[in-house]
């Protein structure tokens, strides 16, 4: 899958260095795998959840959340947000367009 954009991972990792390893692993897996559907993705990421039309990944043992728009037909993953667990729980990300 093509991941847009790795820069978000780099930026977040600078602010939260303990997220770097988990985010790098996530990126490595996603960028080297073609997922045909959400069901297919769940085989690799069993804790991933659909929230509306977005996919939410638990990162760093549930300490962080990566929110992505995945276009399976185009083989593209758009990182919308990377948040701490507490930021995620505030639900402000749901209003981001």
C-alpha atoms as a PDB file:
ATOM      1  CA  UNK A   1       0.000   0.000   0.000  1.00  0.00           C
ATOM      2  CA  UNK A   2       1.132   3.545  -0.590  1.00  0.00           C
ATOM      3  CA  UNK A   3       1.161   5.475   2.693  1.00  0.00           C
ATOM      4  CA  UNK A   4       0.537   9.222   2.624  1.00  0.00           C
ATOM      5  CA  UNK A   5       2.431  10.622   4.429  1.00  0.00           C
ATOM      6  CA  UNK A   6       5.389   9.242   6.317  1.00  0.00           C
ATOM      7  CA  UNK A   7       6.167  12.816   7.394  1.00  0.00           C
ATOM      8  CA  UNK A   8       3.333  12.620   9.955  1.00  0.00           C
ATOM      9  CA  UNK A   9       5.030   9.608  11.513  1.00  0.00           C
ATOM     10  CA  UNK A  10       8.367  11.396  11.626  1.00  0.00           C
ATOM     11  CA  UNK A  11       6.829  14.520  13.188  1.00  0.00           C
ATOM     12  CA  UNK A  12       4.893  12.583  15.805  1.00  0.00           C
ATOM     13  CA  UNK A  13       7.937  10.458  16.665  1.00  0.00           C
ATOM     14  CA  UNK A  14       9.946  13.608  17.358  1.00  0.00           C
ATOM     15  CA  UNK A  15       7.372  14.772  19.886  1.00  0.00           C
ATOM     16  CA  UNK A  16       6.780  11.292  21.345  1.00  0.00           C
ATOM     17  CA  UNK A  17      10.049   9.350  20.895  1.00  0.00           C
ATOM     18  CA  UNK A  18       8.678   6.216  22.558  1.00  0.00           C
ATOM     19  CA  UNK A  19       6.196   5.887  19.663  1.00  0.00           C
ATOM     20  CA  UNK A  20       8.932   5.679  17.029  1.00  0.00           C
ATOM     21  CA  UNK A  21       9.527   1.930  17.074  1.00  0.00           C
ATOM     22  CA  UNK A  22       5.829   1.035  16.939  1.00  0.00           C
ATOM     23  CA  UNK A  23       5.076   3.579  14.212  1.00  0.00           C
ATOM     24  CA  UNK A  24       8.059   2.429  12.159  1.00  0.00           C
ATOM     25  CA  UNK A  25       6.872  -1.166  12.451  1.00  0.00           C
ATOM     26  CA  UNK A  26       3.329  -0.165  11.449  1.00  0.00           C
ATOM     27  CA  UNK A  27       4.652   1.758   8.430  1.00  0.00           C
ATOM     28  CA  UNK A  28       6.910  -1.104   7.375  1.00  0.00           C
ATOM     29  CA  UNK A  29       4.064  -3.622   7.463  1.00  0.00           C
ATOM     30  CA  UNK A  30       1.482  -1.422   5.761  1.00  0.00           C
ATOM     31  CA  UNK A  31       3.799  -0.156   3.021  1.00  0.00           C
ATOM     32  CA  UNK A  32       4.846  -3.713   2.093  1.00  0.00           C
ATOM     33  CA  UNK A  33       1.387  -5.291   2.172  1.00  0.00           C
ATOM     34  CA  UNK A  34      -1.595  -5.010  -0.140  1.00  0.00           C
ATOM     35  CA  UNK A  35      -4.841  -5.245   1.797  1.00  0.00           C
ATOM     36  CA  UNK A  36      -7.920  -6.038  -0.278  1.00  0.00           C
ATOM     37  CA  UNK A  37     -10.469  -5.154   2.411  1.00  0.00           C
ATOM     38  CA  UNK A  38     -10.909  -4.279   6.074  1.00  0.00           C
ATOM     39  CA  UNK A  39     -11.401  -7.983   6.829  1.00  0.00           C
ATOM     40  CA  UNK A  40      -8.043  -8.659   5.157  1.00  0.00           C
ATOM     41  CA  UNK A  41      -6.385  -5.886   7.181  1.00  0.00           C
ATOM     42  CA  UNK A  42      -7.820  -7.305  10.437  1.00  0.00           C
ATOM     43  CA  UNK A  43      -5.812 -10.498   9.873  1.00  0.00           C
ATOM     44  CA  UNK A  44      -2.634  -8.444  10.294  1.00  0.00           C
ATOM     45  CA  UNK A  45      -3.977  -5.806  12.710  1.00  0.00           C
ATOM     46  CA  UNK A  46      -6.629  -7.547  14.842  1.00  0.00           C
ATOM     47  CA  UNK A  47      -7.099  -4.519  17.115  1.00  0.00           C
ATOM     48  CA  UNK A  48      -7.885  -2.145  14.220  1.00  0.00           C
ATOM     49  CA  UNK A  49     -11.370  -0.642  14.304  1.00  0.00           C
ATOM     50  CA  UNK A  50     -13.591   1.054  11.775  1.00  0.00           C
ATOM     51  CA  UNK A  51     -14.949   4.381  12.985  1.00  0.00           C
ATOM     52  CA  UNK A  52     -17.169   5.736  10.263  1.00  0.00           C
ATOM     53  CA  UNK A  53     -15.093   5.621   7.105  1.00  0.00           C
ATOM     54  CA  UNK A  54     -11.784   5.758   9.007  1.00  0.00           C
ATOM     55  CA  UNK A  55      -9.611   2.983  10.386  1.00  0.00           C
ATOM     56  CA  UNK A  56      -8.141   3.387  13.858  1.00  0.00           C
ATOM     57  CA  UNK A  57      -4.971   1.512  14.772  1.00  0.00           C
ATOM     58  CA  UNK A  58      -3.709   1.004  18.320  1.00  0.00           C
ATOM     59  CA  UNK A  59      -0.033   1.943  18.403  1.00  0.00           C
ATOM     60  CA  UNK A  60       2.504   1.357  21.158  1.00  0.00           C
ATOM     61  CA  UNK A  61       0.436  -1.033  23.241  1.00  0.00           C
ATOM     62  CA  UNK A  62      -2.627   1.181  23.104  1.00  0.00           C
ATOM     63  CA  UNK A  63      -0.759   4.336  24.135  1.00  0.00           C
ATOM     64  CA  UNK A  64      -1.303   6.037  20.759  1.00  0.00           C
ATOM     65  CA  UNK A  65      -3.846   5.967  17.941  1.00  0.00           C
ATOM     66  CA  UNK A  66      -3.170   6.252  14.240  1.00  0.00           C
ATOM     67  CA  UNK A  67      -6.248   7.240  12.261  1.00  0.00           C
ATOM     68  CA  UNK A  68      -6.225   6.540   8.551  1.00  0.00           C
ATOM     69  CA  UNK A  69      -8.468   6.732   5.523  1.00  0.00           C
ATOM     70  CA  UNK A  70      -7.827   3.578   3.520  1.00  0.00           C
ATOM     71  CA  UNK A  71      -8.735   3.322  -0.149  1.00  0.00           C
ATOM     72  CA  UNK A  72      -8.436  -0.390  -0.828  1.00  0.00           C
ATOM     73  CA  UNK A  73      -9.329  -0.003  -4.510  1.00  0.00           C
ATOM     74  CA  UNK A  74      -6.460   2.465  -5.034  1.00  0.00           C
ATOM     75  CA  UNK A  75      -4.080   0.703  -2.594  1.00  0.00           C
ATOM     76  CA  UNK A  76      -3.575   3.920  -0.639  1.00  0.00           C
ATOM     77  CA  UNK A  77      -3.509   4.745   3.076  1.00  0.00           C
ATOM     78  CA  UNK A  78      -3.882   8.379   4.104  1.00  0.00           C
ATOM     79  CA  UNK A  79      -2.753   9.098   7.660  1.00  0.00           C
ATOM     80  CA  UNK A  80      -5.301  11.555   9.020  1.00  0.00           C
ATOM     81  CA  UNK A  81      -4.045  11.834  12.604  1.00  0.00           C
ATOM     82  CA  UNK A  82      -1.689  10.306  15.101  1.00  0.00           C
ATOM     83  CA  UNK A  83      -2.809  11.017  18.639  1.00  0.00           C
ATOM     84  CA  UNK A  84      -2.106  10.104  22.207  1.00  0.00           C
ATOM     85  CA  UNK A  85      -4.775   7.944  23.813  1.00  0.00           C
ATOM     86  CA  UNK A  86      -6.085  10.923  25.814  1.00  0.00           C
ATOM     87  CA  UNK A  87      -6.239  13.161  22.709  1.00  0.00           C
ATOM     88  CA  UNK A  88      -8.123  10.424  20.878  1.00  0.00           C
ATOM     89  CA  UNK A  89     -10.650  10.125  23.699  1.00  0.00           C
ATOM     90  CA  UNK A  90     -11.548  13.816  23.388  1.00  0.00           C
ATOM     91  CA  UNK A  91     -13.078  12.960  19.974  1.00  0.00           C
ATOM     92  CA  UNK A  92     -12.026  16.256  18.360  1.00  0.00           C
ATOM     93  CA  UNK A  93     -10.414  14.257  15.533  1.00  0.00           C
ATOM     94  CA  UNK A  94     -13.891  13.162  14.392  1.00  0.00           C
ATOM     95  CA  UNK A  95     -14.605  16.747  13.288  1.00  0.00           C
ATOM     96  CA  UNK A  96     -11.404  17.075  11.227  1.00  0.00           C
ATOM     97  CA  UNK A  97     -12.145  17.031   7.512  1.00  0.00           C
END
